[in-house]
Amino acid sequence: MIRAKFSYSPEGLADGFEISGHSGYAEVGNDIVCAAVSSAAYMCANTLTEILGLKPELSETDGTMKLKLNAEESRKADAVLKGLILHLEQLSLQYPDFIKIERGAKNA
């Protein structure tokens, strides 16, 4: 199962995410759920870094992507991150056994 956990600033702005796991929907290379989630996560990260010019903490390993923004950056990135959340929520409605969305508490 893919788990996507989103974090929020004290002001309620989306300020990061951790997406991890493999859906198990199909074999590696043929898994449309993993492909959809990966594509969305990369589009979000690339939009934040290459289009908006932000410098989030970003790490990627096999099966995990983490992204964290500071307070100033989260103000600029909120709409992009909320778009990712919406996209993944819609995917989780189509594939409820393969994607779990978690909304973390506001960071102090």
PDB file of N, CA and C in Angstrom:
ATOM      1  N   MET A   1       0.840  -1.185   0.000  1.00  0.00           N
ATOM      2  CA  MET A   1       0.000   0.000   0.000  1.00  0.00           C
ATOM      3  C   MET A   1       0.880   1.242   0.000  1.00  0.00           C
ATOM      4  N   ILE A   2       0.453   2.251  -0.741  1.00  0.00           N
ATOM      5  CA  ILE A   2       1.133   3.539  -0.748  1.00  0.00           C
ATOM      6  C   ILE A   2       0.532   4.382   0.360  1.00  0.00           C
ATOM      7  N   ARG A   3       1.397   5.004   1.157  1.00  0.00           N
ATOM      8  CA  ARG A   3       0.955   5.905   2.215  1.00  0.00           C
ATOM      9  C   ARG A   3       1.482   7.297   1.885  1.00  0.00           C
ATOM     10  N   ALA A   4       0.572   8.252   1.865  1.00  0.00           N
ATOM     11  CA  ALA A   4       0.934   9.645   1.629  1.00  0.00           C
ATOM     12  C   ALA A   4       0.518  10.443   2.858  1.00  0.00           C
ATOM     13  N   LYS A   5       1.516  10.990   3.564  1.00  0.00           N
ATOM     14  CA  LYS A   5       1.236  11.770   4.765  1.00  0.00           C
ATOM     15  C   LYS A   5       1.639  13.216   4.496  1.00  0.00           C
ATOM     16  N   PHE A   6       0.704  14.120   4.761  1.00  0.00           N
ATOM     17  CA  PHE A   6       0.933  15.540   4.537  1.00  0.00           C
ATOM     18  C   PHE A   6       1.034  16.264   5.866  1.00  0.00           C
ATOM     19  N   SER A   7       1.930  17.248   5.919  1.00  0.00           N
ATOM     20  CA  SER A   7       2.106  18.049   7.132  1.00  0.00           C
ATOM     21  C   SER A   7       1.668  19.479   6.850  1.00  0.00           C
ATOM     22  N   TYR A   8       1.389  20.188   7.926  1.00  0.00           N
ATOM     23  CA  TYR A   8       0.845  21.540   7.824  1.00  0.00           C
ATOM     24  C   TYR A   8       1.556  22.477   8.789  1.00  0.00           C
ATOM     25  N   SER A   9       1.652  23.738   8.394  1.00  0.00           N
ATOM     26  CA  SER A   9       2.227  24.774   9.246  1.00  0.00           C
ATOM     27  C   SER A   9       1.220  25.137  10.329  1.00  0.00           C
ATOM     28  N   PRO A  10       1.648  25.879  11.359  1.00  0.00           N
ATOM     29  CA  PRO A  10       0.697  26.320  12.385  1.00  0.00           C
ATOM     30  C   PRO A  10      -0.460  27.151  11.807  1.00  0.00           C
ATOM     31  N   GLU A  11      -0.214  27.794  10.671  1.00  0.00           N
ATOM     32  CA  GLU A  11      -1.260  28.588  10.021  1.00  0.00           C
ATOM     33  C   GLU A  11      -2.213  27.736   9.187  1.00  0.00           C
ATOM     34  N   GLY A  12      -1.949  26.438   9.096  1.00  0.00           N
ATOM     35  CA  GLY A  12      -2.806  25.543   8.334  1.00  0.00           C
ATOM     36  C   GLY A  12      -2.412  25.388   6.881  1.00  0.00           C
ATOM     37  N   LEU A  13      -1.254  25.907   6.507  1.00  0.00           N
ATOM     38  CA  LEU A  13      -0.762  25.757   5.140  1.00  0.00           C
ATOM     39  C   LEU A  13      -0.079  24.409   4.974  1.00  0.00           C
ATOM     40  N   ALA A  14      -0.307  23.763   3.848  1.00  0.00           N
ATOM     41  CA  ALA A  14       0.407  22.519   3.557  1.00  0.00           C
ATOM     42  C   ALA A  14       1.888  22.856   3.425  1.00  0.00           C
ATOM     43  N   ASP A  15       2.744  22.123   4.136  1.00  0.00           N
ATOM     44  CA  ASP A  15       4.178  22.448   4.084  1.00  0.00           C
ATOM     45  C   ASP A  15       5.077  21.245   3.828  1.00  0.00           C
ATOM     46  N   GLY A  16       4.501  20.103   3.506  1.00  0.00           N
ATOM     47  CA  GLY A  16       5.357  18.965   3.178  1.00  0.00           C
ATOM     48  C   GLY A  16       4.579  17.675   3.065  1.00  0.00           C
ATOM     49  N   PHE A  17       5.313  16.661   2.624  1.00  0.00           N
ATOM     50  CA  PHE A  17       4.710  15.338   2.501  1.00  0.00           C
ATOM     51  C   PHE A  17       5.777  14.260   2.570  1.00  0.00           C
ATOM     52  N   GLU A  18       5.307  13.070   2.874  1.00  0.00           N
ATOM     53  CA  GLU A  18       6.106  11.855   2.743  1.00  0.00           C
ATOM     54  C   GLU A  18       5.222  10.826   2.067  1.00  0.00           C
ATOM     55  N   ILE A  19       5.669  10.353   0.928  1.00  0.00           N
ATOM     56  CA  ILE A  19       4.943   9.331   0.190  1.00  0.00           C
ATOM     57  C   ILE A  19       5.836   8.103   0.146  1.00  0.00           C
ATOM     58  N   SER A  20       5.303   6.968   0.596  1.00  0.00           N
ATOM     59  CA  SER A  20       6.140   5.774   0.660  1.00  0.00           C
ATOM     60  C   SER A  20       5.335   4.520   0.351  1.00  0.00           C
ATOM     61  N   GLY A  21       6.057   3.494  -0.003  1.00  0.00           N
ATOM     62  CA  GLY A  21       5.463   2.194  -0.243  1.00  0.00           C
ATOM     63  C   GLY A  21       5.224   1.914  -1.713  1.00  0.00           C
ATOM     64  N   HIS A  22       4.726   0.740  -1.948  1.00  0.00           N
ATOM     65  CA  HIS A  22       4.363   0.303  -3.294  1.00  0.00           C
ATOM     66  C   HIS A  22       2.918  -0.181  -3.210  1.00  0.00           C
ATOM     67  N   SER A  23       2.151   0.096  -4.220  1.00  0.00           N
ATOM     68  CA  SER A  23       0.719  -0.207  -4.131  1.00  0.00           C
ATOM     69  C   SER A  23       0.420  -1.700  -4.125  1.00  0.00           C
ATOM     70  N   GLY A  24       1.178  -2.469  -4.899  1.00  0.00           N
ATOM     71  CA  GLY A  24       0.876  -3.885  -5.017  1.00  0.00           C
ATOM     72  C   GLY A  24      -0.276  -4.162  -5.966  1.00  0.00           C
ATOM     73  N   TYR A  25      -0.686  -3.159  -6.718  1.00  0.00           N
ATOM     74  CA  TYR A  25      -1.786  -3.319  -7.665  1.00  0.00           C
ATOM     75  C   TYR A  25      -1.406  -4.266  -8.802  1.00  0.00           C
ATOM     76  N   ALA A  26      -0.148  -4.171  -9.233  1.00  0.00           N
ATOM     77  CA  ALA A  26       0.346  -5.018 -10.326  1.00  0.00           C
ATOM     78  C   ALA A  26       1.858  -5.166 -10.166  1.00  0.00           C
ATOM     79  N   GLU A  27       2.468  -5.947 -11.035  1.00  0.00           N
ATOM     80  CA  GLU A  27       3.911  -6.144 -10.995  1.00  0.00           C
ATOM     81  C   GLU A  27       4.631  -4.826 -11.268  1.00  0.00           C
ATOM     82  N   VAL A  28       5.826  -4.698 -10.701  1.00  0.00           N
ATOM     83  CA  VAL A  28       6.656  -3.519 -10.941  1.00  0.00           C
ATOM     84  C   VAL A  28       6.818  -3.334 -12.447  1.00  0.00           C
ATOM     85  N   GLY A  29       6.650  -2.109 -12.893  1.00  0.00           N
ATOM     86  CA  GLY A  29       6.722  -1.811 -14.313  1.00  0.00           C
ATOM     87  C   GLY A  29       5.369  -1.813 -14.995  1.00  0.00           C
ATOM     88  N   ASN A  30       4.373  -2.414 -14.346  1.00  0.00           N
ATOM     89  CA  ASN A  30       3.016  -2.452 -14.895  1.00  0.00           C
ATOM     90  C   ASN A  30       1.981  -1.904 -13.916  1.00  0.00           C
ATOM     91  N   ASP A  31       2.443  -1.315 -12.845  1.00  0.00           N
ATOM     92  CA  ASP A  31       1.556  -0.865 -11.771  1.00  0.00           C
ATOM     93  C   ASP A  31       1.088   0.568 -12.045  1.00  0.00           C
ATOM     94  N   ILE A  32      -0.154   0.704 -12.521  1.00  0.00           N
ATOM     95  CA  ILE A  32      -0.659   2.026 -12.873  1.00  0.00           C
ATOM     96  C   ILE A  32      -0.889   2.909 -11.647  1.00  0.00           C
ATOM     97  N   VAL A  33      -1.153   2.313 -10.493  1.00  0.00           N
ATOM     98  CA  VAL A  33      -1.360   3.099  -9.284  1.00  0.00           C
ATOM     99  C   VAL A  33      -0.039   3.728  -8.847  1.00  0.00           C
ATOM    100  N   CYS A  34       1.021   2.931  -8.803  1.00  0.00           N
ATOM    101  CA  CYS A  34       2.339   3.478  -8.456  1.00  0.00           C
ATOM    102  C   CYS A  34       2.768   4.539  -9.462  1.00  0.00           C
ATOM    103  N   ALA A  35       2.525   4.282 -10.730  1.00  0.00           N
ATOM    104  CA  ALA A  35       2.912   5.243 -11.766  1.00  0.00           C
ATOM    105  C   ALA A  35       2.164   6.559 -11.594  1.00  0.00           C
ATOM    106  N   ALA A  36       0.877   6.504 -11.299  1.00  0.00           N
ATOM    107  CA  ALA A  36       0.086   7.723 -11.130  1.00  0.00           C
ATOM    108  C   ALA A  36       0.558   8.528  -9.923  1.00  0.00           C
ATOM    109  N   VAL A  37       0.809   7.850  -8.816  1.00  0.00           N
ATOM    110  CA  VAL A  37       1.258   8.540  -7.606  1.00  0.00           C
ATOM    111  C   VAL A  37       2.655   9.111  -7.812  1.00  0.00           C
ATOM    112  N   SER A  38       3.564   8.331  -8.376  1.00  0.00           N
ATOM    113  CA  SER A  38       4.925   8.810  -8.618  1.00  0.00           C
ATOM    114  C   SER A  38       4.936  10.017  -9.541  1.00  0.00           C
ATOM    115  N   SER A  39       4.177   9.949 -10.610  1.00  0.00           N
ATOM    116  CA  SER A  39       4.113  11.052 -11.555  1.00  0.00           C
ATOM    117  C   SER A  39       3.604  12.323 -10.876  1.00  0.00           C
ATOM    118  N   ALA A  40       2.568  12.211 -10.073  1.00  0.00           N
ATOM    119  CA  ALA A  40       2.016  13.368  -9.373  1.00  0.00           C
ATOM    120  C   ALA A  40       3.023  13.954  -8.386  1.00  0.00           C
ATOM    121  N   ALA A  41       3.719  13.094  -7.646  1.00  0.00           N
ATOM    122  CA  ALA A  41       4.708  13.567  -6.665  1.00  0.00           C
ATOM    123  C   ALA A  41       5.861  14.291  -7.355  1.00  0.00           C
ATOM    124  N   TYR A  42       6.350  13.729  -8.462  1.00  0.00           N
ATOM    125  CA  TYR A  42       7.437  14.378  -9.198  1.00  0.00           C
ATOM    126  C   TYR A  42       6.976  15.695  -9.819  1.00  0.00           C
ATOM    127  N   MET A  43       5.757  15.728 -10.334  1.00  0.00           N
ATOM    128  CA  MET A  43       5.255  16.983 -10.897  1.00  0.00           C
ATOM    129  C   MET A  43       5.189  18.057  -9.824  1.00  0.00           C
ATOM    130  N   CYS A  44       4.711  17.696  -8.644  1.00  0.00           N
ATOM    131  CA  CYS A  44       4.642  18.645  -7.536  1.00  0.00           C
ATOM    132  C   CYS A  44       6.043  19.140  -7.167  1.00  0.00           C
ATOM    133  N   ALA A  45       6.968  18.217  -6.945  1.00  0.00           N
ATOM    134  CA  ALA A  45       8.331  18.597  -6.561  1.00  0.00           C
ATOM    135  C   ALA A  45       8.993  19.450  -7.638  1.00  0.00           C
ATOM    136  N   ASN A  46       8.831  19.076  -8.895  1.00  0.00           N
ATOM    137  CA  ASN A  46       9.440  19.838  -9.983  1.00  0.00           C
ATOM    138  C   ASN A  46       8.814  21.223 -10.130  1.00  0.00           C
ATOM    139  N   THR A  47       7.514  21.330  -9.920  1.00  0.00           N
ATOM    140  CA  THR A  47       6.859  22.636  -9.981  1.00  0.00           C
ATOM    141  C   THR A  47       7.390  23.543  -8.879  1.00  0.00           C
ATOM    142  N   LEU A  48       7.529  22.998  -7.683  1.00  0.00           N
ATOM    143  CA  LEU A  48       8.030  23.797  -6.559  1.00  0.00           C
ATOM    144  C   LEU A  48       9.473  24.251  -6.785  1.00  0.00           C
ATOM    145  N   THR A  49      10.313  23.354  -7.278  1.00  0.00           N
ATOM    146  CA  THR A  49      11.734  23.692  -7.419  1.00  0.00           C
ATOM    147  C   THR A  49      12.052  24.425  -8.720  1.00  0.00           C
ATOM    148  N   GLU A  50      11.546  23.936  -9.826  1.00  0.00           N
ATOM    149  CA  GLU A  50      11.943  24.475 -11.128  1.00  0.00           C
ATOM    150  C   GLU A  50      11.075  25.640 -11.601  1.00  0.00           C
ATOM    151  N   ILE A  51       9.820  25.664 -11.233  1.00  0.00           N
ATOM    152  CA  ILE A  51       8.919  26.722 -11.682  1.00  0.00           C
ATOM    153  C   ILE A  51       8.838  27.844 -10.642  1.00  0.00           C
ATOM    154  N   LEU A  52       8.604  27.477  -9.387  1.00  0.00           N
ATOM    155  CA  LEU A  52       8.505  28.488  -8.331  1.00  0.00           C
ATOM    156  C   LEU A  52       9.856  28.875  -7.748  1.00  0.00           C
ATOM    157  N   GLY A  53      10.898  28.097  -8.032  1.00  0.00           N
ATOM    158  CA  GLY A  53      12.244  28.416  -7.547  1.00  0.00           C
ATOM    159  C   GLY A  53      12.448  28.216  -6.061  1.00  0.00           C
ATOM    160  N   LEU A  54      11.637  27.374  -5.433  1.00  0.00           N
ATOM    161  CA  LEU A  54      11.772  27.108  -4.005  1.00  0.00           C
ATOM    162  C   LEU A  54      12.868  26.077  -3.764  1.00  0.00           C
ATOM    163  N   LYS A  55      13.336  26.020  -2.541  1.00  0.00           N
ATOM    164  CA  LYS A  55      14.416  25.102  -2.178  1.00  0.00           C
ATOM    165  C   LYS A  55      13.987  24.235  -0.992  1.00  0.00           C
ATOM    166  N   PRO A  56      13.014  23.353  -1.195  1.00  0.00           N
ATOM    167  CA  PRO A  56      12.570  22.507  -0.085  1.00  0.00           C
ATOM    168  C   PRO A  56      13.630  21.470   0.278  1.00  0.00           C
ATOM    169  N   GLU A  57      13.518  20.958   1.501  1.00  0.00           N
ATOM    170  CA  GLU A  57      14.293  19.765   1.853  1.00  0.00           C
ATOM    171  C   GLU A  57      13.631  18.645   1.067  1.00  0.00           C
ATOM    172  N   LEU A  58      14.402  17.938   0.270  1.00  0.00           N
ATOM    173  CA  LEU A  58      13.838  16.919  -0.605  1.00  0.00           C
ATOM    174  C   LEU A  58      14.737  15.697  -0.574  1.00  0.00           C
ATOM    175  N   SER A  59      14.143  14.550  -0.323  1.00  0.00           N
ATOM    176  CA  SER A  59      14.924  13.313  -0.364  1.00  0.00           C
ATOM    177  C   SER A  59      14.092  12.236  -1.049  1.00  0.00           C
ATOM    178  N   GLU A  60      14.819  11.350  -1.669  1.00  0.00           N
ATOM    179  CA  GLU A  60      14.176  10.281  -2.425  1.00  0.00           C
ATOM    180  C   GLU A  60      15.018   9.015  -2.308  1.00  0.00           C
ATOM    181  N   THR A  61      14.361   7.948  -1.954  1.00  0.00           N
ATOM    182  CA  THR A  61      14.975   6.630  -1.952  1.00  0.00           C
ATOM    183  C   THR A  61      14.003   5.698  -2.648  1.00  0.00           C
ATOM    184  N   ASP A  62      14.372   4.470  -2.824  1.00  0.00           N
ATOM    185  CA  ASP A  62      13.483   3.521  -3.479  1.00  0.00           C
ATOM    186  C   ASP A  62      12.178   3.420  -2.702  1.00  0.00           C
ATOM    187  N   GLY A  63      11.112   3.883  -3.312  1.00  0.00           N
ATOM    188  CA  GLY A  63       9.800   3.756  -2.692  1.00  0.00           C
ATOM    189  C   GLY A  63       9.418   4.859  -1.730  1.00  0.00           C
ATOM    190  N   THR A  64      10.242   5.901  -1.553  1.00  0.00           N
ATOM    191  CA  THR A  64       9.918   6.982  -0.621  1.00  0.00           C
ATOM    192  C   THR A  64      10.364   8.329  -1.184  1.00  0.00           C
ATOM    193  N   MET A  65       9.481   9.319  -1.086  1.00  0.00           N
ATOM    194  CA  MET A  65       9.839  10.700  -1.389  1.00  0.00           C
ATOM    195  C   MET A  65       9.382  11.551  -0.227  1.00  0.00           C
ATOM    196  N   LYS A  66      10.291  12.407   0.265  1.00  0.00           N
ATOM    197  CA  LYS A  66       9.973  13.339   1.345  1.00  0.00           C
ATOM    198  C   LYS A  66      10.259  14.752   0.862  1.00  0.00           C
ATOM    199  N   LEU A  67       9.357  15.661   1.202  1.00  0.00           N
ATOM    200  CA  LEU A  67       9.528  17.059   0.840  1.00  0.00           C
ATOM    201  C   LEU A  67       9.052  17.894   2.013  1.00  0.00           C
ATOM    202  N   LYS A  68       9.853  18.893   2.395  1.00  0.00           N
ATOM    203  CA  LYS A  68       9.507  19.765   3.524  1.00  0.00           C
ATOM    204  C   LYS A  68       9.899  21.189   3.175  1.00  0.00           C
ATOM    205  N   LEU A  69       8.984  22.119   3.391  1.00  0.00           N
ATOM    206  CA  LEU A  69       9.198  23.533   3.107  1.00  0.00           C
ATOM    207  C   LEU A  69       9.258  24.332   4.399  1.00  0.00           C
ATOM    208  N   ASN A  70      10.003  25.444   4.365  1.00  0.00           N
ATOM    209  CA  ASN A  70       9.986  26.341   5.521  1.00  0.00           C
ATOM    210  C   ASN A  70       8.724  27.201   5.464  1.00  0.00           C
ATOM    211  N   ALA A  71       8.509  28.025   6.478  1.00  0.00           N
ATOM    212  CA  ALA A  71       7.266  28.790   6.594  1.00  0.00           C
ATOM    213  C   ALA A  71       7.053  29.723   5.405  1.00  0.00           C
ATOM    214  N   GLU A  72       8.090  30.431   4.992  1.00  0.00           N
ATOM    215  CA  GLU A  72       7.947  31.360   3.871  1.00  0.00           C
ATOM    216  C   GLU A  72       7.622  30.616   2.577  1.00  0.00           C
ATOM    217  N   GLU A  73       8.316  29.513   2.356  1.00  0.00           N
ATOM    218  CA  GLU A  73       8.075  28.731   1.144  1.00  0.00           C
ATOM    219  C   GLU A  73       6.683  28.101   1.139  1.00  0.00           C
ATOM    220  N   SER A  74       6.191  27.701   2.310  1.00  0.00           N
ATOM    221  CA  SER A  74       4.875  27.051   2.357  1.00  0.00           C
ATOM    222  C   SER A  74       3.771  28.010   1.929  1.00  0.00           C
ATOM    223  N   ARG A  75       3.955  29.302   2.158  1.00  0.00           N
ATOM    224  CA  ARG A  75       2.966  30.281   1.697  1.00  0.00           C
ATOM    225  C   ARG A  75       2.895  30.281   0.172  1.00  0.00           C
ATOM    226  N   LYS A  76       4.032  30.149  -0.475  1.00  0.00           N
ATOM    227  CA  LYS A  76       4.095  30.163  -1.937  1.00  0.00           C
ATOM    228  C   LYS A  76       3.668  28.828  -2.541  1.00  0.00           C
ATOM    229  N   ALA A  77       3.812  27.757  -1.783  1.00  0.00           N
ATOM    230  CA  ALA A  77       3.603  26.407  -2.315  1.00  0.00           C
ATOM    231  C   ALA A  77       2.269  25.782  -1.940  1.00  0.00           C
ATOM    232  N   ASP A  78       1.519  26.426  -1.081  1.00  0.00           N
ATOM    233  CA  ASP A  78       0.295  25.837  -0.540  1.00  0.00           C
ATOM    234  C   ASP A  78      -0.643  25.317  -1.630  1.00  0.00           C
ATOM    235  N   ALA A  79      -0.895  26.105  -2.654  1.00  0.00           N
ATOM    236  CA  ALA A  79      -1.838  25.685  -3.704  1.00  0.00           C
ATOM    237  C   ALA A  79      -1.328  24.461  -4.463  1.00  0.00           C
ATOM    238  N   VAL A  80      -0.025  24.401  -4.703  1.00  0.00           N
ATOM    239  CA  VAL A  80       0.536  23.250  -5.426  1.00  0.00           C
ATOM    240  C   VAL A  80       0.399  21.985  -4.572  1.00  0.00           C
ATOM    241  N   LEU A  81       0.733  22.096  -3.299  1.00  0.00           N
ATOM    242  CA  LEU A  81       0.611  20.937  -2.407  1.00  0.00           C
ATOM    243  C   LEU A  81      -0.850  20.522  -2.236  1.00  0.00           C
ATOM    244  N   LYS A  82      -1.751  21.478  -2.135  1.00  0.00           N
ATOM    245  CA  LYS A  82      -3.170  21.132  -2.014  1.00  0.00           C
ATOM    246  C   LYS A  82      -3.676  20.472  -3.293  1.00  0.00           C
ATOM    247  N   GLY A  83      -3.106  20.851  -4.437  1.00  0.00           N
ATOM    248  CA  GLY A  83      -3.440  20.172  -5.689  1.00  0.00           C
ATOM    249  C   GLY A  83      -2.998  18.720  -5.669  1.00  0.00           C
ATOM    250  N   LEU A  84      -1.812  18.457  -5.118  1.00  0.00           N
ATOM    251  CA  LEU A  84      -1.323  17.083  -4.984  1.00  0.00           C
ATOM    252  C   LEU A  84      -2.227  16.293  -4.048  1.00  0.00           C
ATOM    253  N   ILE A  85      -2.596  16.900  -2.937  1.00  0.00           N
ATOM    254  CA  ILE A  85      -3.488  16.222  -1.990  1.00  0.00           C
ATOM    255  C   ILE A  85      -4.805  15.846  -2.681  1.00  0.00           C
ATOM    256  N   LEU A  86      -5.397  16.794  -3.380  1.00  0.00           N
ATOM    257  CA  LEU A  86      -6.647  16.531  -4.085  1.00  0.00           C
ATOM    258  C   LEU A  86      -6.491  15.400  -5.098  1.00  0.00           C
ATOM    259  N   HIS A  87      -5.417  15.443  -5.860  1.00  0.00           N
ATOM    260  CA  HIS A  87      -5.170  14.411  -6.865  1.00  0.00           C
ATOM    261  C   HIS A  87      -5.055  13.026  -6.214  1.00  0.00           C
ATOM    262  N   LEU A  88      -4.281  12.941  -5.146  1.00  0.00           N
ATOM    263  CA  LEU A  88      -4.099  11.642  -4.477  1.00  0.00           C
ATOM    264  C   LEU A  88      -5.381  11.180  -3.788  1.00  0.00           C
ATOM    265  N   GLU A  89      -6.169  12.115  -3.260  1.00  0.00           N
ATOM    266  CA  GLU A  89      -7.452  11.730  -2.668  1.00  0.00           C
ATOM    267  C   GLU A  89      -8.374  11.131  -3.726  1.00  0.00           C
ATOM    268  N   GLN A  90      -8.388  11.719  -4.903  1.00  0.00           N
ATOM    269  CA  GLN A  90      -9.219  11.181  -5.985  1.00  0.00           C
ATOM    270  C   GLN A  90      -8.734   9.789  -6.404  1.00  0.00           C
ATOM    271  N   LEU A  91      -7.418   9.615  -6.480  1.00  0.00           N
ATOM    272  CA  LEU A  91      -6.877   8.285  -6.794  1.00  0.00           C
ATOM    273  C   LEU A  91      -7.244   7.276  -5.714  1.00  0.00           C
ATOM    274  N   SER A  92      -7.206   7.708  -4.448  1.00  0.00           N
ATOM    275  CA  SER A  92      -7.531   6.776  -3.355  1.00  0.00           C
ATOM    276  C   SER A  92      -9.003   6.376  -3.375  1.00  0.00           C
ATOM    277  N   LEU A  93      -9.866   7.221  -3.928  1.00  0.00           N
ATOM    278  CA  LEU A  93     -11.268   6.831  -4.086  1.00  0.00           C
ATOM    279  C   LEU A  93     -11.416   5.750  -5.156  1.00  0.00           C
ATOM    280  N   GLN A  94     -10.600   5.835  -6.202  1.00  0.00           N
ATOM    281  CA  GLN A  94     -10.632   4.833  -7.269  1.00  0.00           C
ATOM    282  C   GLN A  94      -9.953   3.538  -6.853  1.00  0.00           C
ATOM    283  N   TYR A  95      -8.916   3.661  -6.020  1.00  0.00           N
ATOM    284  CA  TYR A  95      -8.111   2.498  -5.616  1.00  0.00           C
ATOM    285  C   TYR A  95      -7.955   2.483  -4.097  1.00  0.00           C
ATOM    286  N   PRO A  96      -9.056   2.320  -3.350  1.00  0.00           N
ATOM    287  CA  PRO A  96      -8.999   2.448  -1.889  1.00  0.00           C
ATOM    288  C   PRO A  96      -8.134   1.402  -1.190  1.00  0.00           C
ATOM    289  N   ASP A  97      -7.915   0.269  -1.803  1.00  0.00           N
ATOM    290  CA  ASP A  97      -7.091  -0.764  -1.169  1.00  0.00           C
ATOM    291  C   ASP A  97      -5.600  -0.574  -1.426  1.00  0.00           C
ATOM    292  N   PHE A  98      -5.246   0.484  -2.156  1.00  0.00           N
ATOM    293  CA  PHE A  98      -3.858   0.634  -2.588  1.00  0.00           C
ATOM    294  C   PHE A  98      -3.220   1.962  -2.204  1.00  0.00           C
ATOM    295  N   ILE A  99      -4.023   2.942  -1.783  1.00  0.00           N
ATOM    296  CA  ILE A  99      -3.501   4.272  -1.391  1.00  0.00           C
ATOM    297  C   ILE A  99      -4.181   4.712  -0.107  1.00  0.00           C
ATOM    298  N   LYS A 100      -3.380   5.167   0.855  1.00  0.00           N
ATOM    299  CA  LYS A 100      -3.918   5.725   2.096  1.00  0.00           C
ATOM    300  C   LYS A 100      -3.358   7.139   2.259  1.00  0.00           C
ATOM    301  N   ILE A 101      -4.244   8.101   2.500  1.00  0.00           N
ATOM    302  CA  ILE A 101      -3.869   9.488   2.687  1.00  0.00           C
ATOM    303  C   ILE A 101      -3.987   9.816   4.182  1.00  0.00           C
ATOM    304  N   GLU A 102      -2.944  10.459   4.729  1.00  0.00           N
ATOM    305  CA  GLU A 102      -2.957  10.890   6.125  1.00  0.00           C
ATOM    306  C   GLU A 102      -2.654  12.375   6.172  1.00  0.00           C
ATOM    307  N   ARG A 103      -3.428  13.070   6.958  1.00  0.00           N
ATOM    308  CA  ARG A 103      -3.170  14.495   7.165  1.00  0.00           C
ATOM    309  C   ARG A 103      -2.619  14.645   8.570  1.00  0.00           C
ATOM    310  N   GLY A 104      -1.366  15.062   8.643  1.00  0.00           N
ATOM    311  CA  GLY A 104      -0.717  15.211   9.933  1.00  0.00           C
ATOM    312  C   GLY A 104      -1.207  16.436  10.670  1.00  0.00           C
ATOM    313  N   ALA A 105      -0.886  16.485  11.938  1.00  0.00           N
ATOM    314  CA  ALA A 105      -1.242  17.644  12.755  1.00  0.00           C
ATOM    315  C   ALA A 105      -0.407  18.838  12.328  1.00  0.00           C
ATOM    316  N   LYS A 106      -0.892  20.002  12.695  1.00  0.00           N
ATOM    317  CA  LYS A 106      -0.133  21.213  12.416  1.00  0.00           C
ATOM    318  C   LYS A 106       1.177  21.163  13.184  1.00  0.00           C
ATOM    319  N   ASN A 107       2.255  21.587  12.511  1.00  0.00           N
ATOM    320  CA  ASN A 107       3.568  21.631  13.152  1.00  0.00           C
ATOM    321  C   ASN A 107       3.660  22.857  14.041  1.00  0.00           C
ATOM    322  N   ALA A 108       4.286  22.677  15.194  1.00  0.00           N
ATOM    323  CA  ALA A 108       4.437  23.813  16.119  1.00  0.00           C
ATOM    324  C   ALA A 108       5.604  24.670  15.716  1.00  0.00           C
TER     325      ALA A 108
END
